[in-house]
């Protein structure tokens, strides 16, 4: 599987968690937490492993757009979890609805513009490191995205 395909698969897995929460918010709180944790880890791997070499390869402007959107995504995740923690299901669902709409717009730019470069522009050692992280890496505790 290519790096681009693995990253796109993560998008689908995260979307499935968010959809499951929206389908049954009363009993799917753990699914939302799992999806948010996966999305935070996904953002980390992009910002720590994928975006730096792509910036060097000349994709500064598209990467900046992705970084700004990551900040918006992060804030929506925080809002959804805070509402859930407060027992406010409707505001949590509203935040997840906004999050899913933003992710749809984000992913439709990221997948065709950024991800193909993961398979063509990374040095072999960079690709190996990213591939290894996709398979088994974890996000450092307390890490937040650049624009959070």
Foldseek 3Di string as FASTA:
>chain_A
DAPLVLLVVLLVQLVVLLVVCLVPVVPSPVSLVVSLQSVQFSLCLCVPQQPVQVVVVPPVVVVVVLLQLLLVLLVLSVQLVVCVVVVNSVSNNVSSVVNVVSSVVSCVCCSVPRSVCLRPVDDPVSNVVSVVCSVPNHDDPPDGGPND
